[in-house]
Protein backbone atom coordinates (compact mmCIF):
# COMPACT_ATOMS: atom_id res chain seq x y z
CA MET A 1 23.03 6.86 0.80
CA HIS A 2 19.69 5.58 -0.49
CA GLN A 3 17.22 7.82 -2.28
CA LYS A 4 13.52 7.72 -1.38
CA ILE A 5 10.87 7.43 -4.05
CA ASP A 6 7.75 9.60 -4.23
CA PHE A 7 4.51 7.79 -5.04
CA SER A 8 2.27 10.85 -4.68
CA ASN A 9 1.92 11.14 -8.47
CA LEU A 10 -0.12 7.91 -8.36
CA ILE A 11 -2.82 9.34 -6.08
CA PRO A 12 -4.96 10.91 -8.85
CA LYS A 13 -4.68 7.73 -10.94
CA LEU A 14 -6.01 5.38 -8.26
CA PRO A 15 -9.36 5.12 -6.45
CA PRO A 16 -9.55 6.85 -3.05
CA LEU A 17 -9.94 3.48 -1.28
CA ILE A 18 -8.30 0.21 -2.28
CA SER A 19 -9.37 -3.16 -0.92
CA ARG A 20 -6.58 -5.49 0.16
CA ASP A 21 -7.71 -7.90 -2.57
CA HIS A 22 -6.98 -5.31 -5.28
CA VAL A 23 -3.71 -3.79 -4.04
CA GLU A 24 -1.56 -6.27 -5.96
CA THR A 25 -3.39 -5.64 -9.25
CA LEU A 26 -3.55 -1.85 -8.95
CA LEU A 27 0.12 -1.52 -7.98
CA GLY A 28 1.46 -3.88 -10.64
CA GLY A 29 2.29 -6.76 -8.31
CA VAL A 30 4.62 -4.74 -6.10
CA ILE A 31 3.13 -6.28 -2.94
CA SER A 32 0.70 -9.15 -2.55
CA CYS A 33 -2.50 -9.22 -0.51
CA LYS A 34 -1.09 -12.14 1.51
CA THR A 35 1.99 -10.12 2.44
CA LEU A 36 -0.22 -7.21 3.48
CA ALA A 37 -2.39 -9.54 5.59
CA ASN A 38 0.72 -10.91 7.32
CA LEU A 39 2.14 -7.43 7.95
CA ASP A 40 -1.24 -6.22 9.23
CA SER A 41 -1.36 -9.09 11.73
CA LEU A 42 2.07 -8.03 13.01
CA GLY A 43 1.02 -4.37 13.23
CA GLU A 44 3.52 -3.44 10.51
CA GLY A 45 1.17 -2.75 7.60
CA PRO A 46 -0.38 0.51 6.43
CA LYS A 47 -3.33 2.08 8.27
CA ARG A 48 -6.43 0.07 7.43
CA MET A 49 -10.20 0.09 7.80
CA ARG A 50 -12.91 -2.51 7.58
CA MET A 51 -15.92 -2.14 5.32
CA GLY A 52 -18.09 -5.13 6.01
CA ARG A 53 -15.79 -8.11 5.54
CA LYS A 54 -13.28 -6.26 3.38
CA VAL A 55 -10.07 -4.67 4.61
CA VAL A 56 -9.47 -1.41 2.76
CA TYR A 57 -6.74 1.19 2.69
CA LYS A 58 -6.94 4.89 1.93
CA THR A 59 -4.81 5.29 -1.17
CA GLU A 60 -2.78 8.08 0.41
CA ASP A 61 -2.04 5.97 3.50
CA LEU A 62 -1.06 2.95 1.42
CA LEU A 63 1.28 4.93 -0.84
CA GLU A 64 2.78 6.80 2.12
CA TRP A 65 3.49 3.46 3.81
CA LEU A 66 5.05 2.09 0.61
CA GLU A 67 7.33 5.13 0.42
CA THR A 68 8.71 4.32 3.88
CA ARG A 69 9.57 0.79 2.71
CA THR A 70 11.06 1.68 -0.68
CA VAL A 71 14.53 2.90 -1.56
CA ILE A 72 16.27 3.42 -4.89
CA LEU A 73 19.41 1.32 -5.03
CA ASN A 74 22.39 2.79 -6.86
């Protein structure tokens, strides 16, 4: 059985909103902005908003989505 990981401890360390362009940098390269753009176009990405021309994610939504896609392998 796979264990889930909890990213909620990162919430206070990150800004409340993260632009797609900065996700890769702020999360240490875990997921790229191109991958997020592709997943968004398929309807499989995290909840998103637009602010002008930028796509942004609420930090809580982004981390919650990452938790659903991450497992600890034994």
